C-alpha atoms as a PDB file:
ATOM      1  CA  UNK A   1     108.976  63.405  84.343  1.00  0.00           C
ATOM      2  CA  UNK A   2     109.920  65.734  87.202  1.00  0.00           C
ATOM      3  CA  UNK A   3     111.711  68.173  84.913  1.00  0.00           C
ATOM      4  CA  UNK A   4     108.786  68.301  82.464  1.00  0.00           C
ATOM      5  CA  UNK A   5     106.359  68.894  85.328  1.00  0.00           C
ATOM      6  CA  UNK A   6     108.482  71.729  86.740  1.00  0.00           C
ATOM      7  CA  UNK A   7     108.843  73.336  83.296  1.00  0.00           C
ATOM      8  CA  UNK A   8     105.079  73.176  82.696  1.00  0.00           C
ATOM      9  CA  UNK A   9     104.391  74.638  86.157  1.00  0.00           C
ATOM     10  CA  UNK A  10     106.943  77.427  85.615  1.00  0.00           C
ATOM     11  CA  UNK A  11     105.311  78.336  82.302  1.00  0.00           C
ATOM     12  CA  UNK A  12     101.881  78.538  83.973  1.00  0.00           C
ATOM     13  CA  UNK A  13     103.240  80.668  86.840  1.00  0.00           C
ATOM     14  CA  UNK A  14     105.050  83.049  84.505  1.00  0.00           C
ATOM     15  CA  UNK A  15     101.911  83.402  82.359  1.00  0.00           C
ATOM     16  CA  UNK A  16      99.961  84.362  85.479  1.00  0.00           C
ATOM     17  CA  UNK A  17     102.573  86.988  86.399  1.00  0.00           C
ATOM     18  CA  UNK A  18     102.430  88.375  82.855  1.00  0.00           C
ATOM     19  CA  UNK A  19      98.751  89.224  83.439  1.00  0.00           C
ATOM     20  CA  UNK A  20      99.764  91.499  86.329  1.00  0.00           C
ATOM     21  CA  UNK A  21     102.653  92.922  84.352  1.00  0.00           C
ATOM     22  CA  UNK A  22     100.206  93.944  81.638  1.00  0.00           C
ATOM     23  CA  UNK A  23      97.948  95.597  84.230  1.00  0.00           C
ATOM     24  CA  UNK A  24     100.949  97.349  85.756  1.00  0.00           C
ATOM     25  CA  UNK A  25     101.914  98.790  82.361  1.00  0.00           C
ATOM     26  CA  UNK A  26      98.444 100.262  81.910  1.00  0.00           C
ATOM     27  CA  UNK A  27      97.366 103.711  83.025  1.00  0.00           C
ATOM     28  CA  UNK A  28      95.789 102.572  86.306  1.00  0.00           C
ATOM     29  CA  UNK A  29      98.907 100.504  86.999  1.00  0.00           C
ATOM     30  CA  UNK A  30      99.529  99.821  90.689  1.00  0.00           C
ATOM     31  CA  UNK A  31      95.896 100.074  91.849  1.00  0.00           C
ATOM     32  CA  UNK A  32      94.698  97.591  89.233  1.00  0.00           C
ATOM     33  CA  UNK A  33      96.733  94.730  90.687  1.00  0.00           C
ATOM     34  CA  UNK A  34      94.529  92.787  93.095  1.00  0.00           C
ATOM     35  CA  UNK A  35      92.177  89.842  93.466  1.00  0.00           C
ATOM     36  CA  UNK A  36      88.403  89.500  93.733  1.00  0.00           C
ATOM     37  CA  UNK A  37      87.366  90.206  97.319  1.00  0.00           C
ATOM     38  CA  UNK A  38      84.570  87.626  97.324  1.00  0.00           C
ATOM     39  CA  UNK A  39      86.768  84.920  95.779  1.00  0.00           C
ATOM     40  CA  UNK A  40      89.536  85.575  98.328  1.00  0.00           C
ATOM     41  CA  UNK A  41      87.017  85.325 101.171  1.00  0.00           C
ATOM     42  CA  UNK A  42      85.704  82.030  99.787  1.00  0.00           C
ATOM     43  CA  UNK A  43      89.211  80.617  99.271  1.00  0.00           C
ATOM     44  CA  UNK A  44      90.298  81.539 102.797  1.00  0.00           C
ATOM     45  CA  UNK A  45      87.159  79.999 104.307  1.00  0.00           C
ATOM     46  CA  UNK A  46      87.010  76.770 102.345  1.00  0.00           C
ATOM     47  CA  UNK A  47      90.397  75.988 100.830  1.00  0.00           C
ATOM     48  CA  UNK A  48      92.958  74.467 103.199  1.00  0.00           C
ATOM     49  CA  UNK A  49      95.799  74.684 100.674  1.00  0.00           C
ATOM     50  CA  UNK A  50      95.186  78.383 100.037  1.00  0.00           C
ATOM     51  CA  UNK A  51      94.967  79.226 103.747  1.00  0.00           C
ATOM     52  CA  UNK A  52      98.096  77.231 104.598  1.00  0.00           C
ATOM     53  CA  UNK A  53     100.079  78.706 101.720  1.00  0.00           C
ATOM     54  CA  UNK A  54      98.994  82.234 102.639  1.00  0.00           C
ATOM     55  CA  UNK A  55     100.098  81.807 106.251  1.00  0.00           C
ATOM     56  CA  UNK A  56     103.537  80.621 105.131  1.00  0.00           C
ATOM     57  CA  UNK A  57     104.234  83.724 103.028  1.00  0.00           C
ATOM     58  CA  UNK A  58     106.656  86.250 104.481  1.00  0.00           C
ATOM     59  CA  UNK A  59     106.108  88.699 105.900  1.00  0.00           C
ATOM     60  CA  UNK A  60     103.045  87.038 107.353  1.00  0.00           C
ATOM     61  CA  UNK A  61     101.481  90.217 108.754  1.00  0.00           C
ATOM     62  CA  UNK A  62     100.178  91.471 105.414  1.00  0.00           C
ATOM     63  CA  UNK A  63      96.703  90.899 103.998  1.00  0.00           C
ATOM     64  CA  UNK A  64      95.496  90.142 100.511  1.00  0.00           C
ATOM     65  CA  UNK A  65      94.980  93.127  98.219  1.00  0.00           C
ATOM     66  CA  UNK A  66      91.659  93.184  96.436  1.00  0.00           C
ATOM     67  CA  UNK A  67      90.615  95.151  93.386  1.00  0.00           C
ATOM     68  CA  UNK A  68      87.092  96.566  93.193  1.00  0.00           C
ATOM     69  CA  UNK A  69      87.101  96.067  89.402  1.00  0.00           C
ATOM     70  CA  UNK A  70      87.650  92.321  89.842  1.00  0.00           C
ATOM     71  CA  UNK A  71      84.055  91.237  89.699  1.00  0.00           C
ATOM     72  CA  UNK A  72      84.442  88.520  87.080  1.00  0.00           C
ATOM     73  CA  UNK A  73      86.283  85.249  87.130  1.00  0.00           C
ATOM     74  CA  UNK A  74      89.148  86.236  84.851  1.00  0.00           C
ATOM     75  CA  UNK A  75      92.508  84.662  85.769  1.00  0.00           C
ATOM     76  CA  UNK A  76      94.029  87.870  87.180  1.00  0.00           C
ATOM     77  CA  UNK A  77      91.156  88.159  89.676  1.00  0.00           C
ATOM     78  CA  UNK A  78      91.072  84.543  90.856  1.00  0.00           C
ATOM     79  CA  UNK A  79      93.011  83.463  93.941  1.00  0.00           C
ATOM     80  CA  UNK A  80      92.620  79.794  92.965  1.00  0.00           C
ATOM     81  CA  UNK A  81      92.376  78.231  89.518  1.00  0.00           C
ATOM     82  CA  UNK A  82      91.936  74.500  89.124  1.00  0.00           C
ATOM     83  CA  UNK A  83      92.335  72.179  86.158  1.00  0.00           C
ATOM     84  CA  UNK A  84      94.613  74.577  84.270  1.00  0.00           C
ATOM     85  CA  UNK A  85      96.313  72.606  81.513  1.00  0.00           C
ATOM     86  CA  UNK A  86     100.085  72.901  81.325  1.00  0.00           C
ATOM     87  CA  UNK A  87     102.361  72.538  78.310  1.00  0.00           C
ATOM     88  CA  UNK A  88     102.726  68.861  79.208  1.00  0.00           C
ATOM     89  CA  UNK A  89      98.967  68.306  78.798  1.00  0.00           C
ATOM     90  CA  UNK A  90      98.434  67.711  82.545  1.00  0.00           C
ATOM     91  CA  UNK A  91      96.154  69.691  84.825  1.00  0.00           C
ATOM     92  CA  UNK A  92      97.529  71.949  87.542  1.00  0.00           C
ATOM     93  CA  UNK A  93      96.217  74.150  90.330  1.00  0.00           C
ATOM     94  CA  UNK A  94      97.340  77.791  90.442  1.00  0.00           C
ATOM     95  CA  UNK A  95      97.152  79.859  93.620  1.00  0.00           C
ATOM     96  CA  UNK A  96      97.758  83.614  93.469  1.00  0.00           C
ATOM     97  CA  UNK A  97      98.433  85.945  96.385  1.00  0.00           C
ATOM     98  CA  UNK A  98      98.588  89.740  96.072  1.00  0.00           C
ATOM     99  CA  UNK A  99      99.910  91.594  99.105  1.00  0.00           C
ATOM    100  CA  UNK A 100     101.280  95.020  99.952  1.00  0.00           C
ATOM    101  CA  UNK A 101     104.665  94.931 101.629  1.00  0.00           C
ATOM    102  CA  UNK A 102     106.318  98.018 103.133  1.00  0.00           C
ATOM    103  CA  UNK A 103     109.965  98.490 102.306  1.00  0.00           C
ATOM    104  CA  UNK A 104     112.342 100.893 104.023  1.00  0.00           C
ATOM    105  CA  UNK A 105     114.509 102.572 101.447  1.00  0.00           C
ATOM    106  CA  UNK A 106     118.233 102.999 101.876  1.00  0.00           C
ATOM    107  CA  UNK A 107     119.033 106.617 102.545  1.00  0.00           C
ATOM    108  CA  UNK A 108     122.177 108.659 102.502  1.00  0.00           C
ATOM    109  CA  UNK A 109     120.908 111.153 105.059  1.00  0.00           C
ATOM    110  CA  UNK A 110     120.339 110.592 108.730  1.00  0.00           C
ATOM    111  CA  UNK A 111     117.381 108.358 109.614  1.00  0.00           C
ATOM    112  CA  UNK A 112     114.487 107.977 109.452  1.00  0.00           C
ATOM    113  CA  UNK A 113     114.722 106.621 105.934  1.00  0.00           C
ATOM    114  CA  UNK A 114     111.596 106.818 103.782  1.00  0.00           C
ATOM    115  CA  UNK A 115     109.372 103.797 103.236  1.00  0.00           C
ATOM    116  CA  UNK A 116     107.527 102.684 100.143  1.00  0.00           C
ATOM    117  CA  UNK A 117     104.998  99.988  99.396  1.00  0.00           C
ATOM    118  CA  UNK A 118     105.546  97.190  96.926  1.00  0.00           C
ATOM    119  CA  UNK A 119     102.692  95.083  95.682  1.00  0.00           C
ATOM    120  CA  UNK A 120     103.956  91.492  95.751  1.00  0.00           C
ATOM    121  CA  UNK A 121     102.313  88.869  93.578  1.00  0.00           C
ATOM    122  CA  UNK A 122     103.139  85.283  94.525  1.00  0.00           C
ATOM    123  CA  UNK A 123     102.060  82.399  92.322  1.00  0.00           C
ATOM    124  CA  UNK A 124     102.160  78.802  93.548  1.00  0.00           C
ATOM    125  CA  UNK A 125     101.529  75.941  91.149  1.00  0.00           C
ATOM    126  CA  UNK A 126     100.505  72.579  92.605  1.00  0.00           C
ATOM    127  CA  UNK A 127     100.136  69.183  90.982  1.00  0.00           C
ATOM    128  CA  UNK A 128      96.715  67.787  91.934  1.00  0.00           C
ATOM    129  CA  UNK A 129      97.560  64.544  90.090  1.00  0.00           C
ATOM    130  CA  UNK A 130     100.049  63.586  92.822  1.00  0.00           C
ATOM    131  CA  UNK A 131      99.004  62.576  96.337  1.00  0.00           C
ATOM    132  CA  UNK A 132      99.017  65.599  98.651  1.00  0.00           C
ATOM    133  CA  UNK A 133      98.933  68.021  95.704  1.00  0.00           C
ATOM    134  CA  UNK A 134     102.570  69.091  96.175  1.00  0.00           C
ATOM    135  CA  UNK A 135     103.943  72.496  95.265  1.00  0.00           C
ATOM    136  CA  UNK A 136     105.778  72.252  91.973  1.00  0.00           C
ATOM    137  CA  UNK A 137     106.759  75.872  91.422  1.00  0.00           C
ATOM    138  CA  UNK A 138     106.600  79.157  93.337  1.00  0.00           C
ATOM    139  CA  UNK A 139     107.503  82.602  92.048  1.00  0.00           C
ATOM    140  CA  UNK A 140     107.051  86.165  93.345  1.00  0.00           C
ATOM    141  CA  UNK A 141     107.181  89.465  91.472  1.00  0.00           C
ATOM    142  CA  UNK A 142     107.121  92.896  93.082  1.00  0.00           C
ATOM    143  CA  UNK A 143     105.519  95.996  91.575  1.00  0.00           C
ATOM    144  CA  UNK A 144     106.227  99.470  92.948  1.00  0.00           C
ATOM    145  CA  UNK A 145     104.217 102.668  92.916  1.00  0.00           C
ATOM    146  CA  UNK A 146     106.784 104.529  90.825  1.00  0.00           C
ATOM    147  CA  UNK A 147     105.958 106.294  87.558  1.00  0.00           C
ATOM    148  CA  UNK A 148     105.623 104.301  84.339  1.00  0.00           C
ATOM    149  CA  UNK A 149     107.332 105.465  81.175  1.00  0.00           C
END
């Protein structure tokens, strides 16, 4: 049962990341990756799981990235999705966090080394069918500002 649950959660998380990968491959790329501002505000104000999970992300000093074009409730704009059916036929909760993280690049010259920003997308899948709605799967993907081919 545990293995099937983890596999179903991993499939849901990877599907969520594929939405951002598709946006990243498009012409607007980096700037199109973000969540709905109003939905993030609501989730932070009223969803204890979302707020707790956000505060445990590292680094903790970053804030959620929003996308002005995210005005509808499509999955890539939603910080929280409930009752998403997995491959095992059970319902799961998906939380998505999009944050900008500064990275210092390795340089071969004398410091200071240049910095760049990665847009990190973290997806957490929880099982609401189990007491305490435990995390089943967590995955993070990073997107950079570099040119697309």
